[in-house]
C-alpha cells in the first residue's frame, strides 16, 4: 500500500477479512488518491452456486467494516472498482459468462445503494 501504484486489486471473495486487517494502510492509500479493485466475484467453479445477493451482502459488510474504522463511505464509493477475483481462463464458457454478468450486476447494484 505504500508503493506508488494507483489501483490495488484484491480477492475480496476469498480473502476480504485478511486484507481489511490493513485498514489503516487502506485509509492512507485512499488519502493519497488510490483506488481499490474489489475482486468480489469468485472465479472458481463455486460461481455456479453464488447469488447476486450473497455477493452484494459480502461487499457491503467489507465496506461497513471500513466505515466503522472511520473511512468515509462516500470516499469508498468514489474510489472503488468492482472486479472478478481473478481471471476466468480455467472456467467453462458458461461459468465465465456468469462471472462477467455478476460483476456487472454487483457494480450496478452498489451504485444504486451506496
C-alpha atoms as a PDB file:
ATOM      1  CA  UNK A   1       0.000   0.000   0.000  1.00  0.00           C
ATOM      2  CA  UNK A   2       2.983   2.299   0.370  1.00  0.00           C
ATOM      3  CA  UNK A   3       4.004   1.880  -3.268  1.00  0.00           C
ATOM      4  CA  UNK A   4       3.161   4.474  -5.886  1.00  0.00           C
ATOM      5  CA  UNK A   5       0.517   2.347  -7.622  1.00  0.00           C
ATOM      6  CA  UNK A   6      -2.873   3.921  -8.247  1.00  0.00           C
ATOM      7  CA  UNK A   7      -5.018   0.780  -8.064  1.00  0.00           C
ATOM      8  CA  UNK A   8      -4.763  -2.210  -5.742  1.00  0.00           C
ATOM      9  CA  UNK A   9      -6.788  -5.253  -6.759  1.00  0.00           C
ATOM     10  CA  UNK A  10      -7.529  -7.974  -4.235  1.00  0.00           C
ATOM     11  CA  UNK A  11      -9.558 -11.162  -3.953  1.00  0.00           C
ATOM     12  CA  UNK A  12     -12.383  -9.836  -1.812  1.00  0.00           C
ATOM     13  CA  UNK A  13     -14.383 -13.033  -2.226  1.00  0.00           C
ATOM     14  CA  UNK A  14     -11.908 -15.357  -0.513  1.00  0.00           C
ATOM     15  CA  UNK A  15      -9.626 -13.033   1.449  1.00  0.00           C
ATOM     16  CA  UNK A  16     -11.521  -9.878   2.385  1.00  0.00           C
ATOM     17  CA  UNK A  17     -11.100 -10.392   6.129  1.00  0.00           C
ATOM     18  CA  UNK A  18      -7.342 -10.766   5.791  1.00  0.00           C
ATOM     19  CA  UNK A  19      -6.982  -7.738   3.526  1.00  0.00           C
ATOM     20  CA  UNK A  20      -9.167  -5.452   5.647  1.00  0.00           C
ATOM     21  CA  UNK A  21      -6.922  -6.102   8.654  1.00  0.00           C
ATOM     22  CA  UNK A  22      -4.777  -3.441   6.978  1.00  0.00           C
ATOM     23  CA  UNK A  23      -7.496  -0.789   7.195  1.00  0.00           C
ATOM     24  CA  UNK A  24      -5.021   1.894   8.317  1.00  0.00           C
ATOM     25  CA  UNK A  25      -2.950   1.313   5.199  1.00  0.00           C
ATOM     26  CA  UNK A  26      -6.118   1.315   3.084  1.00  0.00           C
ATOM     27  CA  UNK A  27      -7.096   4.672   4.601  1.00  0.00           C
ATOM     28  CA  UNK A  28      -3.654   6.115   3.821  1.00  0.00           C
ATOM     29  CA  UNK A  29      -3.897   4.690   0.282  1.00  0.00           C
ATOM     30  CA  UNK A  30      -7.280   6.385  -0.217  1.00  0.00           C
ATOM     31  CA  UNK A  31      -5.940   9.614   1.286  1.00  0.00           C
ATOM     32  CA  UNK A  32      -3.268   9.771  -1.402  1.00  0.00           C
ATOM     33  CA  UNK A  33      -5.780   9.128  -4.182  1.00  0.00           C
ATOM     34  CA  UNK A  34      -5.650   5.341  -4.556  1.00  0.00           C
ATOM     35  CA  UNK A  35      -8.416   3.089  -5.842  1.00  0.00           C
ATOM     36  CA  UNK A  36      -9.417  -0.376  -4.624  1.00  0.00           C
ATOM     37  CA  UNK A  37     -10.497  -3.038  -7.090  1.00  0.00           C
ATOM     38  CA  UNK A  38     -12.700  -5.328  -5.011  1.00  0.00           C
ATOM     39  CA  UNK A  39     -12.479  -8.806  -6.587  1.00  0.00           C
ATOM     40  CA  UNK A  40     -15.803  -9.775  -5.063  1.00  0.00           C
ATOM     41  CA  UNK A  41     -16.997 -12.168  -7.786  1.00  0.00           C
ATOM     42  CA  UNK A  42     -15.345 -15.558  -7.394  1.00  0.00           C
ATOM     43  CA  UNK A  43     -13.644 -17.028 -10.438  1.00  0.00           C
ATOM     44  CA  UNK A  44     -13.714 -20.572  -9.148  1.00  0.00           C
ATOM     45  CA  UNK A  45     -16.303 -23.199 -10.059  1.00  0.00           C
ATOM     46  CA  UNK A  46     -18.138 -22.004  -6.905  1.00  0.00           C
ATOM     47  CA  UNK A  47     -19.612 -19.317  -9.167  1.00  0.00           C
ATOM     48  CA  UNK A  48     -22.470 -21.630 -10.117  1.00  0.00           C
ATOM     49  CA  UNK A  49     -23.816 -21.556  -6.560  1.00  0.00           C
ATOM     50  CA  UNK A  50     -23.290 -17.878  -5.751  1.00  0.00           C
ATOM     51  CA  UNK A  51     -26.102 -15.336  -5.904  1.00  0.00           C
ATOM     52  CA  UNK A  52     -26.038 -11.615  -6.563  1.00  0.00           C
ATOM     53  CA  UNK A  53     -27.481 -11.022  -3.102  1.00  0.00           C
ATOM     54  CA  UNK A  54     -24.681 -13.024  -1.446  1.00  0.00           C
ATOM     55  CA  UNK A  55     -22.006 -11.044  -3.272  1.00  0.00           C
ATOM     56  CA  UNK A  56     -23.605  -7.673  -2.531  1.00  0.00           C
ATOM     57  CA  UNK A  57     -24.027  -8.587   1.140  1.00  0.00           C
ATOM     58  CA  UNK A  58     -20.395  -9.681   1.407  1.00  0.00           C
ATOM     59  CA  UNK A  59     -19.190  -6.474  -0.255  1.00  0.00           C
ATOM     60  CA  UNK A  60     -21.430  -4.289   1.912  1.00  0.00           C
ATOM     61  CA  UNK A  61     -20.015  -5.981   5.020  1.00  0.00           C
ATOM     62  CA  UNK A  62     -16.472  -5.180   3.901  1.00  0.00           C
ATOM     63  CA  UNK A  63     -17.342  -1.572   3.171  1.00  0.00           C
ATOM     64  CA  UNK A  64     -19.134  -1.226   6.500  1.00  0.00           C
ATOM     65  CA  UNK A  65     -16.052  -2.569   8.277  1.00  0.00           C
ATOM     66  CA  UNK A  66     -14.014   0.267   6.769  1.00  0.00           C
ATOM     67  CA  UNK A  67     -16.716   2.816   7.613  1.00  0.00           C
ATOM     68  CA  UNK A  68     -16.685   1.580  11.217  1.00  0.00           C
ATOM     69  CA  UNK A  69     -12.928   2.231  11.246  1.00  0.00           C
ATOM     70  CA  UNK A  70     -13.535   5.840  10.244  1.00  0.00           C
ATOM     71  CA  UNK A  71     -13.284   5.778   6.455  1.00  0.00           C
ATOM     72  CA  UNK A  72     -15.828   7.821   4.532  1.00  0.00           C
ATOM     73  CA  UNK A  73     -18.494   5.782   2.755  1.00  0.00           C
ATOM     74  CA  UNK A  74     -18.572   8.438   0.043  1.00  0.00           C
ATOM     75  CA  UNK A  75     -14.818   8.162  -0.463  1.00  0.00           C
ATOM     76  CA  UNK A  76     -15.011   4.365  -0.573  1.00  0.00           C
ATOM     77  CA  UNK A  77     -17.726   4.593  -3.248  1.00  0.00           C
ATOM     78  CA  UNK A  78     -15.709   7.081  -5.296  1.00  0.00           C
ATOM     79  CA  UNK A  79     -12.521   5.015  -5.102  1.00  0.00           C
ATOM     80  CA  UNK A  80     -13.889   1.505  -5.640  1.00  0.00           C
ATOM     81  CA  UNK A  81     -13.966  -0.692  -8.714  1.00  0.00           C
ATOM     82  CA  UNK A  82     -15.902  -3.980  -8.828  1.00  0.00           C
ATOM     83  CA  UNK A  83     -13.995  -6.827 -10.482  1.00  0.00           C
ATOM     84  CA  UNK A  84     -13.842 -10.606 -10.653  1.00  0.00           C
ATOM     85  CA  UNK A  85     -11.486 -12.091  -8.061  1.00  0.00           C
ATOM     86  CA  UNK A  86      -9.091 -13.352 -10.752  1.00  0.00           C
ATOM     87  CA  UNK A  87      -9.051 -14.450 -14.383  1.00  0.00           C
ATOM     88  CA  UNK A  88     -11.608 -16.813 -15.890  1.00  0.00           C
ATOM     89  CA  UNK A  89      -9.301 -18.914 -18.074  1.00  0.00           C
ATOM     90  CA  UNK A  90      -9.865 -22.097 -16.080  1.00  0.00           C
ATOM     91  CA  UNK A  91     -13.664 -21.823 -16.125  1.00  0.00           C
ATOM     92  CA  UNK A  92     -16.163 -23.129 -18.627  1.00  0.00           C
ATOM     93  CA  UNK A  93     -17.666 -20.583 -21.003  1.00  0.00           C
ATOM     94  CA  UNK A  94     -20.909 -20.673 -19.017  1.00  0.00           C
ATOM     95  CA  UNK A  95     -19.084 -20.070 -15.727  1.00  0.00           C
ATOM     96  CA  UNK A  96     -17.025 -17.239 -17.223  1.00  0.00           C
ATOM     97  CA  UNK A  97     -20.169 -15.615 -18.607  1.00  0.00           C
ATOM     98  CA  UNK A  98     -21.784 -15.876 -15.177  1.00  0.00           C
ATOM     99  CA  UNK A  99     -18.726 -14.197 -13.603  1.00  0.00           C
ATOM    100  CA  UNK A 100     -18.990 -11.282 -16.028  1.00  0.00           C
ATOM    101  CA  UNK A 101     -22.759 -10.985 -15.593  1.00  0.00           C
ATOM    102  CA  UNK A 102     -22.492 -10.974 -11.794  1.00  0.00           C
ATOM    103  CA  UNK A 103     -19.617  -8.480 -11.873  1.00  0.00           C
ATOM    104  CA  UNK A 104     -21.813  -6.119 -13.880  1.00  0.00           C
ATOM    105  CA  UNK A 105     -24.830  -6.716 -11.652  1.00  0.00           C
ATOM    106  CA  UNK A 106     -22.881  -6.158  -8.415  1.00  0.00           C
ATOM    107  CA  UNK A 107     -21.493  -2.912  -9.814  1.00  0.00           C
ATOM    108  CA  UNK A 108     -24.925  -1.624 -10.841  1.00  0.00           C
ATOM    109  CA  UNK A 109     -26.467  -2.662  -7.519  1.00  0.00           C
ATOM    110  CA  UNK A 110     -23.742  -0.975  -5.493  1.00  0.00           C
ATOM    111  CA  UNK A 111     -24.058   2.255  -7.489  1.00  0.00           C
ATOM    112  CA  UNK A 112     -27.740   2.311  -6.599  1.00  0.00           C
ATOM    113  CA  UNK A 113     -27.266   1.549  -2.891  1.00  0.00           C
ATOM    114  CA  UNK A 114     -24.149   3.386  -1.740  1.00  0.00           C
END
